[in-house]
Amino acid sequence: MRVTAERNWAGNHVFTADRVERPTTVEELRGIVTGNPRVRALGSRHSFNDLADSAGGVLIELGELDVPLDIDRDASIVWAPAGMRYGDLASTLQAEGLALHNLASLPHISLAGTVATGTHGSGIRNGSLATAVAGLELVTAAGEVLVLRRGDADFDGAVVSLGALGIVTRVALDVQPTFQIEQRVFVDLPMDVVETRLLEILGVGYSTSLFTRWSEPTIDQLWVKSEPGDDSVQGFGGTPSAVAMHPIAGVDARFTTDQLQSPGPWLDRLPHFKLEFTPSAGEEIQSEFFVDASDGPAAFAVVKGFADRIAPLLFVCEIRAIAADDLWLSGAYGRPTVAFHFTWQSREDEVREVLVDLEAALAEFGARPHWGKVFTAGAEQIRPLYPRFDAFLELRDRLDPEGRFRNDYTDRVIDGTAS
């Protein structure tokens, strides 16, 4: 089918590919890949830019691909279909008494797309979701089925790959015994307390998020997801909320996971939003920037300095922590990380005007943009931010010498060859 009128989840990008293919077998997928000069995996359409597009080429949806889900209890891993949603995998694992180490805010996103962009949850001791990857199975540009496992020479470069190495068909993820989490929300934290104690606050509990509109003398909300009975949780001057909250002020909290210190399974507390509710589309765009945790307080002060320009365009900003990892193109590569996430109103031209200056101001901290969200930097600015960037290019060119998986996004952001 032609996708000319199809848009991404947010509605801010219209796909320019000629058609979408939905293979049901790996053999069919191999034929599609080798039979077309330009191919990209589409995922769950949750990228806020053209990362998943293929102008004049073919997009591949993996939801109908018939590949098995296998749980290897001895190895503590699960091999799952790449197009599967995290929420669906979580439900399957919970039924088996198993869990993943973390989940993103939304459980609706696909395994492969999430991993390929370095998407994350929160927790100063928790790596991004990509750090749970123990193996990948992908179809390369030559139509070969390549399996990479943790410890292989190319593995650390292949996990966060931006879809540039091939079409991932299955992902192996580390699993552990299921566990319980409870969630508490504190409101109206003093801004100066958050700025001076930012890393301490982000280290509380199992998973922690700060939400602010940068328009008040206080930080709107602190969400702490912790093991039941964790008596180290505190509000840092904020008031415990007596009612369930939504991260965005004034939005109905029935879409959010249970709070008020009510214990529940990991999959029902670690995301911010419930799987059974489809998040609204077409009402927001997102940006996110990653800095070394040691620079977190200084970066906080810089962002606060943009409050008068940010606040009129913003729904909410979320601040989280992520553990360091060894994945070449991960936002947390080589450094404990603080992430500043912006959920903007659908005013992209105005947002981009602010981002030009905000990105320039955060450049002193080596801020890395989230690959799947809206940013203005190109390859010239991004290349120095990743010590293994050139190694990734070598791996990409070796697996895809003819550029079958390249697109406008990779030309602009990876190669710097966009016209």
Protein backbone atom coordinates (compact mmCIF):
# COMPACT_ATOMS: atom_id res chain seq x y z
CA MET A 1 0.00 0.00 0.00
CA ARG A 2 1.17 3.56 -0.58
CA VAL A 3 1.89 5.50 2.61
CA THR A 4 1.76 9.02 1.21
CA ALA A 5 -0.99 10.05 3.64
CA GLU A 6 0.25 8.01 6.60
CA ARG A 7 1.70 9.89 9.55
CA ASN A 8 3.69 9.02 12.61
CA TRP A 9 2.16 8.70 16.08
CA ALA A 10 2.37 12.44 16.75
CA GLY A 11 1.16 13.47 13.31
CA ASN A 12 4.14 15.77 12.69
CA HIS A 13 5.71 13.62 9.95
CA VAL A 14 4.07 12.38 6.75
CA PHE A 15 5.80 9.27 5.42
CA THR A 16 7.25 9.57 1.93
CA ALA A 17 7.85 5.89 1.18
CA ASP A 18 6.08 4.31 -1.78
CA ARG A 19 4.51 1.44 0.15
CA VAL A 20 4.39 -0.66 3.31
CA GLU A 21 5.10 -4.38 3.23
CA ARG A 22 3.95 -6.74 5.98
CA PRO A 23 5.88 -10.00 5.58
CA THR A 24 4.68 -13.07 7.44
CA THR A 25 7.87 -15.15 7.13
CA VAL A 26 11.57 -14.42 7.36
CA GLU A 27 11.99 -15.78 3.81
CA GLU A 28 9.44 -13.27 2.54
CA LEU A 29 11.24 -10.52 4.43
CA ARG A 30 14.57 -11.51 2.88
CA GLY A 31 13.04 -11.21 -0.57
CA ILE A 32 11.67 -7.75 0.16
CA VAL A 33 15.03 -6.55 1.45
CA THR A 34 17.08 -7.83 -1.49
CA GLY A 35 14.45 -6.83 -4.04
CA ASN A 36 14.36 -3.13 -3.20
CA PRO A 37 17.13 -0.49 -3.23
CA ARG A 38 15.74 1.38 -0.20
CA VAL A 39 14.16 -0.33 2.82
CA ARG A 40 13.42 0.68 6.42
CA ALA A 41 11.62 -0.92 9.36
CA LEU A 42 8.59 1.14 10.40
CA GLY A 43 8.14 0.08 14.03
CA SER A 44 5.32 1.53 16.11
CA ARG A 45 5.49 5.00 14.44
CA HIS A 46 6.54 6.57 17.72
CA SER A 47 9.55 8.46 16.34
CA PHE A 48 8.97 12.19 16.14
CA ASN A 49 11.17 12.66 13.08
CA ASP A 50 11.92 10.90 9.78
CA LEU A 51 14.15 8.20 11.30
CA ALA A 52 11.85 5.37 10.16
CA ASP A 53 10.98 6.78 6.73
CA SER A 54 12.37 5.78 3.32
CA ALA A 55 11.63 8.36 0.64
CA GLY A 56 10.58 6.54 -2.51
CA GLY A 57 11.40 3.22 -0.90
CA VAL A 58 9.69 0.49 1.10
CA LEU A 59 8.71 0.41 4.76
CA ILE A 60 8.40 -2.92 6.56
CA GLU A 61 5.98 -3.56 9.40
CA LEU A 62 6.93 -6.58 11.48
CA GLY A 63 3.71 -7.14 13.40
CA GLU A 64 2.64 -10.07 11.23
CA LEU A 65 6.05 -11.76 11.06
CA ASP A 66 5.71 -15.35 12.27
CA VAL A 67 8.74 -15.81 14.50
CA PRO A 68 8.69 -17.65 17.84
CA LEU A 69 8.83 -16.32 21.37
CA ASP A 70 11.16 -18.55 23.38
CA ILE A 71 11.94 -18.30 27.08
CA ASP A 72 15.29 -19.79 28.09
CA ARG A 73 15.11 -20.04 31.87
CA ASP A 74 18.58 -21.51 32.15
CA ALA A 75 20.10 -18.50 30.38
CA SER A 76 17.57 -16.05 31.88
CA ILE A 77 16.68 -14.60 28.49
CA VAL A 78 13.63 -14.39 26.26
CA TRP A 79 13.83 -14.33 22.45
CA ALA A 80 10.86 -12.23 21.32
CA PRO A 81 9.53 -10.95 17.98
CA ALA A 82 11.06 -7.58 17.12
CA GLY A 83 7.69 -6.03 16.29
CA MET A 84 6.13 -7.02 19.62
CA ARG A 85 5.09 -4.23 21.99
CA TYR A 86 6.83 -4.04 25.35
CA GLY A 87 3.50 -4.15 27.16
CA ASP A 88 2.49 -7.38 25.44
CA LEU A 89 5.85 -9.01 26.19
CA ALA A 90 5.60 -7.85 29.80
CA SER A 91 2.22 -9.53 30.20
CA THR A 92 3.61 -12.76 28.75
CA LEU A 93 6.58 -12.69 31.09
CA GLN A 94 4.48 -11.85 34.14
CA ALA A 95 2.35 -14.93 33.47
CA GLU A 96 5.58 -16.95 33.65
CA GLY A 97 6.71 -15.29 36.88
CA LEU A 98 9.34 -13.24 35.05
CA ALA A 99 10.16 -9.58 34.49
CA LEU A 100 12.34 -7.14 32.58
CA HIS A 101 14.58 -4.79 34.53
CA ASN A 102 12.71 -1.68 33.40
CA LEU A 103 10.13 -0.22 31.04
CA ALA A 104 9.71 3.10 29.25
CA SER A 105 6.97 5.61 30.06
CA LEU A 106 4.79 4.09 27.34
CA PRO A 107 4.38 0.29 27.11
CA HIS A 108 2.96 0.63 23.59
CA ILE A 109 6.29 0.87 21.75
CA SER A 110 7.95 -1.99 19.85
CA LEU A 111 11.00 -3.90 21.01
CA ALA A 112 13.21 -3.28 17.97
CA GLY A 113 12.40 0.41 17.60
CA THR A 114 12.89 1.07 21.29
CA VAL A 115 16.24 -0.69 21.37
CA ALA A 116 17.49 0.84 18.11
CA THR A 117 17.03 4.39 19.42
CA GLY A 118 18.38 3.87 22.93
CA THR A 119 15.01 4.60 24.53
CA HIS A 120 14.96 4.29 28.32
CA GLY A 121 13.01 4.28 31.51
CA SER A 122 14.43 5.81 34.66
CA GLY A 123 16.56 4.98 37.66
CA ILE A 124 20.13 6.02 38.41
CA ARG A 125 21.09 2.34 38.66
CA ASN A 126 19.06 1.22 35.63
CA GLY A 127 20.50 1.11 32.13
CA SER A 128 18.40 1.99 29.09
CA LEU A 129 16.12 -0.72 27.72
CA ALA A 130 18.82 -1.54 25.18
CA THR A 131 21.15 -2.70 27.97
CA ALA A 132 18.87 -5.71 28.53
CA VAL A 133 19.55 -6.94 24.99
CA ALA A 134 21.46 -10.23 25.02
CA GLY A 135 21.10 -11.00 21.33
CA LEU A 136 19.76 -9.80 17.99
CA GLU A 137 18.59 -11.62 14.87
CA LEU A 138 18.48 -9.46 11.75
CA VAL A 139 18.20 -9.67 7.99
CA THR A 140 21.13 -7.85 6.39
CA ALA A 141 21.27 -5.96 3.10
CA ALA A 142 22.49 -9.14 1.41
CA GLY A 143 19.43 -11.03 2.64
CA GLU A 144 21.42 -13.05 5.15
CA VAL A 145 20.10 -13.85 8.61
CA LEU A 146 22.71 -12.62 11.08
CA VAL A 147 22.63 -13.49 14.78
CA LEU A 148 24.71 -11.41 17.19
CA ARG A 149 25.08 -12.16 20.88
CA ARG A 150 26.47 -10.19 23.79
CA GLY A 151 30.24 -10.57 23.69
CA ASP A 152 30.48 -10.76 19.89
CA ALA A 153 32.84 -8.23 18.31
CA ASP A 154 30.08 -6.19 16.61
CA PHE A 155 27.43 -6.54 19.30
CA ASP A 156 27.92 -3.24 21.15
CA GLY A 157 27.67 -1.38 17.86
CA ALA A 158 24.62 -3.27 16.61
CA VAL A 159 22.16 -2.80 19.47
CA VAL A 160 21.50 0.95 19.20
CA SER A 161 21.73 0.96 15.40
CA LEU A 162 19.05 3.44 14.19
CA GLY A 163 17.82 0.69 11.85
CA ALA A 164 20.92 1.23 9.71
CA LEU A 165 22.32 -2.31 9.85
CA GLY A 166 19.33 -4.40 8.79
CA ILE A 167 15.79 -5.43 9.67
CA VAL A 168 15.73 -6.93 13.16
CA THR A 169 13.42 -9.95 13.38
CA ARG A 170 13.98 -11.11 16.97
CA VAL A 171 15.47 -9.63 20.12
CA ALA A 172 16.86 -11.55 23.11
CA LEU A 173 16.32 -9.75 26.42
CA ASP A 174 17.55 -10.50 29.93
CA VAL A 175 14.80 -11.57 32.30
CA GLN A 176 14.60 -11.89 36.07
CA PRO A 177 12.03 -13.03 38.63
CA THR A 178 8.92 -10.86 38.79
CA PHE A 179 8.87 -8.15 41.45
CA GLN A 180 6.54 -5.61 43.05
CA ILE A 181 6.72 -1.83 42.81
CA GLU A 182 4.77 0.95 44.52
CA GLN A 183 4.48 4.50 43.28
CA ARG A 184 4.33 7.78 45.19
CA VAL A 185 3.91 11.32 43.87
CA PHE A 186 5.04 14.51 45.60
CA VAL A 187 3.95 17.94 44.37
CA ASP A 188 5.42 21.46 44.46
CA LEU A 189 9.07 20.78 45.23
CA PRO A 190 11.11 23.96 45.83
CA MET A 191 13.03 24.79 42.64
CA ASP A 192 16.25 25.64 44.49
CA VAL A 193 16.18 22.33 46.38
CA VAL A 194 15.82 20.38 43.12
CA GLU A 195 18.63 22.30 41.45
CA THR A 196 21.10 21.79 44.28
CA ARG A 197 20.12 18.20 45.14
CA LEU A 198 19.22 16.96 41.66
CA LEU A 199 21.35 13.80 41.64
CA GLU A 200 20.30 12.87 45.16
CA ILE A 201 16.65 13.21 44.17
CA LEU A 202 17.10 11.16 40.99
CA GLY A 203 18.78 8.45 43.07
CA VAL A 204 15.76 7.88 45.29
CA GLY A 205 13.75 4.69 44.76
CA TYR A 206 13.98 2.25 41.87
CA SER A 207 12.79 4.68 39.18
CA THR A 208 12.38 8.43 39.60
CA SER A 209 10.98 11.25 37.45
CA LEU A 210 10.69 14.99 37.94
CA PHE A 211 8.00 16.87 36.00
CA THR A 212 8.05 20.63 35.47
CA ARG A 213 6.58 23.29 33.19
CA TRP A 214 9.43 25.70 34.01
CA SER A 215 6.82 28.30 34.76
CA GLU A 216 6.48 28.15 38.54
CA PRO A 217 8.76 28.75 41.53
CA THR A 218 8.38 25.04 42.26
CA ILE A 219 8.86 21.80 40.36
CA ASP A 220 5.40 20.42 39.68
CA GLN A 221 5.81 16.73 40.56
CA LEU A 222 8.24 14.07 41.75
CA TRP A 223 7.29 10.48 40.90
CA VAL A 224 9.10 7.76 42.86
CA LYS A 225 8.66 4.11 41.93
CA SER A 226 10.16 1.96 44.70
CA GLU A 227 10.14 -1.48 46.21
CA PRO A 228 7.29 -1.81 48.74
CA GLY A 229 8.34 -0.69 52.19
CA ASP A 230 11.32 1.39 51.01
CA ASP A 231 11.57 3.89 53.87
CA SER A 232 14.27 5.95 52.15
CA VAL A 233 11.73 7.63 49.87
CA GLN A 234 11.19 11.29 50.63
CA GLY A 235 9.69 14.29 48.88
CA PHE A 236 12.55 16.82 49.23
CA GLY A 237 10.20 19.55 50.37
CA GLY A 238 7.32 18.43 48.16
CA THR A 239 3.91 17.48 49.51
CA PRO A 240 2.67 13.89 49.14
CA SER A 241 -0.22 13.91 46.69
CA ALA A 242 -3.50 12.64 48.11
CA VAL A 243 -4.87 11.98 44.62
CA ALA A 244 -3.59 10.24 41.51
CA MET A 245 -1.76 12.58 39.15
CA HIS A 246 -1.07 12.83 35.42
CA PRO A 247 2.35 14.21 34.41
CA ILE A 248 0.61 16.99 32.46
CA ALA A 249 -1.37 19.36 34.64
CA GLY A 250 -5.13 19.12 34.20
CA VAL A 251 -5.14 15.81 32.29
CA ASP A 252 -7.27 12.92 33.61
CA ALA A 253 -5.14 10.57 35.73
CA ARG A 254 -7.16 7.48 34.80
CA PHE A 255 -4.69 6.88 31.97
CA THR A 256 -1.74 6.64 34.38
CA THR A 257 -0.47 3.64 36.33
CA ASP A 258 -1.63 3.28 39.94
CA GLN A 259 -0.06 5.56 42.53
CA LEU A 260 -0.83 6.37 46.18
CA GLN A 261 1.72 3.79 47.40
CA SER A 262 -0.37 0.87 46.16
CA PRO A 263 1.97 -2.09 45.44
CA GLY A 264 1.57 -3.94 42.16
CA PRO A 265 3.52 -5.97 39.60
CA TRP A 266 6.45 -4.24 37.88
CA LEU A 267 4.65 -3.99 34.53
CA ASP A 268 1.75 -2.08 36.13
CA ARG A 269 3.95 0.50 37.88
CA LEU A 270 7.20 1.12 35.96
CA PRO A 271 5.50 2.73 32.92
CA HIS A 272 3.70 6.01 33.50
CA PHE A 273 0.75 4.95 31.34
CA LYS A 274 -1.49 1.91 31.18
CA LEU A 275 -1.27 -0.43 28.21
CA GLU A 276 -5.05 -0.65 27.80
CA PHE A 277 -5.30 3.08 27.11
CA THR A 278 -3.95 4.23 23.75
CA PRO A 279 -2.18 7.56 24.27
CA SER A 280 -3.56 10.49 22.30
CA ALA A 281 -1.91 11.19 18.97
CA GLY A 282 -1.38 14.38 17.02
CA GLU A 283 -1.27 16.66 20.05
CA GLU A 284 2.43 16.80 20.92
CA ILE A 285 6.01 16.51 19.74
CA GLN A 286 9.01 15.53 21.85
CA SER A 287 12.70 16.32 22.27
CA GLU A 288 15.24 14.91 24.70
CA PHE A 289 18.87 15.60 25.56
CA PHE A 290 21.35 13.50 27.54
CA VAL A 291 24.17 14.97 29.64
CA ASP A 292 26.76 13.45 31.97
CA ALA A 293 25.16 13.10 35.39
CA SER A 294 27.93 15.22 36.90
CA ASP A 295 26.77 18.06 34.64
CA GLY A 296 23.11 17.52 35.49
CA PRO A 297 22.73 20.40 37.98
CA ALA A 298 24.54 22.86 35.69
CA ALA A 299 22.43 21.73 32.71
CA PHE A 300 19.33 22.16 34.89
CA ALA A 301 20.35 25.77 35.50
CA VAL A 302 20.86 26.34 31.77
CA VAL A 303 17.43 24.96 30.90
CA LYS A 304 15.86 27.03 33.68
CA GLY A 305 17.42 30.09 32.01
CA PHE A 306 15.27 29.35 28.95
CA ALA A 307 12.07 29.19 31.01
CA ASP A 308 10.49 32.27 29.44
CA ARG A 309 10.93 30.78 25.95
CA ILE A 310 10.20 27.16 26.84
CA ALA A 311 7.13 27.49 29.04
CA PRO A 312 4.74 28.93 26.41
CA LEU A 313 5.45 25.97 24.09
CA LEU A 314 5.58 23.19 26.66
CA PHE A 315 3.17 20.62 28.01
CA VAL A 316 5.73 19.23 30.46
CA CYS A 317 9.45 18.51 30.89
CA GLU A 318 10.55 15.25 32.52
CA ILE A 319 13.97 14.82 34.11
CA ARG A 320 15.32 11.29 34.66
CA ALA A 321 18.57 9.41 35.31
CA ILE A 322 20.08 6.49 33.35
CA ALA A 323 23.04 4.27 34.18
CA ALA A 324 26.10 4.27 31.91
CA ASP A 325 26.48 1.59 29.22
CA ASP A 326 28.88 0.38 26.50
CA LEU A 327 26.55 0.59 23.48
CA TRP A 328 28.25 2.76 20.87
CA LEU A 329 25.37 5.05 19.88
CA SER A 330 23.55 5.03 23.22
CA GLY A 331 22.78 8.38 24.79
CA ALA A 332 24.30 6.97 28.00
CA TYR A 333 27.43 5.55 26.35
CA GLY A 334 30.36 5.74 28.76
CA ARG A 335 28.74 8.00 31.33
CA PRO A 336 25.98 8.03 33.99
CA THR A 337 23.36 10.26 32.46
CA VAL A 338 20.67 12.79 33.26
CA ALA A 339 18.01 13.18 30.57
CA PHE A 340 15.94 16.30 29.96
CA HIS A 341 12.80 15.34 28.06
CA PHE A 342 10.44 17.94 26.57
CA THR A 343 6.86 17.25 25.56
CA TRP A 344 5.98 20.20 23.35
CA GLN A 345 2.76 21.52 21.94
CA SER A 346 2.33 20.86 18.22
CA ARG A 347 4.06 24.09 17.20
CA GLU A 348 7.11 22.59 15.56
CA ASP A 349 8.44 25.67 13.79
CA GLU A 350 8.46 27.63 17.05
CA VAL A 351 9.91 24.66 18.94
CA ARG A 352 12.77 24.35 16.44
CA GLU A 353 13.60 28.04 16.87
CA VAL A 354 14.02 27.49 20.59
CA LEU A 355 15.92 24.22 20.08
CA VAL A 356 18.61 25.91 17.97
CA ASP A 357 19.55 28.07 20.95
CA LEU A 358 18.86 25.46 23.64
CA GLU A 359 21.05 22.89 21.91
CA ALA A 360 23.82 25.45 21.52
CA ALA A 361 23.62 26.27 25.23
CA LEU A 362 23.72 22.58 26.21
CA ALA A 363 26.63 21.88 23.86
CA GLU A 364 29.13 22.76 26.61
CA PHE A 365 27.96 19.59 28.37
CA GLY A 366 28.26 17.40 25.29
CA ALA A 367 24.48 16.95 25.24
CA ARG A 368 23.38 14.08 23.01
CA PRO A 369 19.92 14.24 21.39
CA HIS A 370 17.53 11.32 21.54
CA TRP A 371 17.70 9.77 18.08
CA GLY A 372 13.93 9.38 17.70
CA LYS A 373 12.84 12.86 18.75
CA VAL A 374 12.99 16.39 17.36
CA PHE A 375 16.40 18.10 17.33
CA THR A 376 18.30 20.40 14.99
CA ALA A 377 21.90 19.11 15.16
CA GLY A 378 23.44 17.41 12.14
CA ALA A 379 26.31 14.95 11.75
CA GLU A 380 28.96 17.65 12.25
CA GLN A 381 27.68 18.39 15.75
CA ILE A 382 26.75 14.82 16.66
CA ARG A 383 29.87 12.95 15.54
CA PRO A 384 32.18 14.28 18.33
CA LEU A 385 29.66 13.24 21.00
CA TYR A 386 30.21 9.50 20.48
CA PRO A 387 33.74 8.04 20.90
CA ARG A 388 32.81 4.99 18.79
CA PHE A 389 31.02 6.91 16.05
CA ASP A 390 33.58 6.06 13.36
CA ALA A 391 33.54 2.41 14.42
CA PHE A 392 29.78 2.41 13.93
CA LEU A 393 30.15 3.87 10.44
CA GLU A 394 32.63 1.13 9.57
CA LEU A 395 30.23 -1.53 10.84
CA ARG A 396 27.32 0.05 8.92
CA ASP A 397 29.31 0.22 5.67
CA ARG A 398 30.47 -3.37 6.08
CA LEU A 399 26.94 -4.73 6.58
CA ASP A 400 25.24 -2.36 4.13
CA PRO A 401 27.82 -1.34 1.50
CA GLU A 402 25.20 -0.24 -1.04
CA GLY A 403 23.23 1.89 1.41
CA ARG A 404 20.03 -0.14 1.28
CA PHE A 405 19.02 1.01 4.79
CA ARG A 406 20.10 4.62 4.43
CA ASN A 407 17.56 7.41 4.21
CA ASP A 408 17.29 11.19 4.49
CA TYR A 409 17.68 10.96 8.25
CA THR A 410 20.94 8.99 8.15
CA ASP A 411 22.27 11.26 5.38
CA ARG A 412 21.66 14.25 7.59
CA VAL A 413 22.44 12.91 11.06
CA ILE A 414 25.00 10.14 10.49
CA ASP A 415 26.78 10.88 7.23
CA GLY A 416 26.39 14.63 6.90
CA THR A 417 25.66 14.29 3.19
CA ALA A 418 22.12 15.69 3.06
CA SER A 419 21.67 18.33 0.39
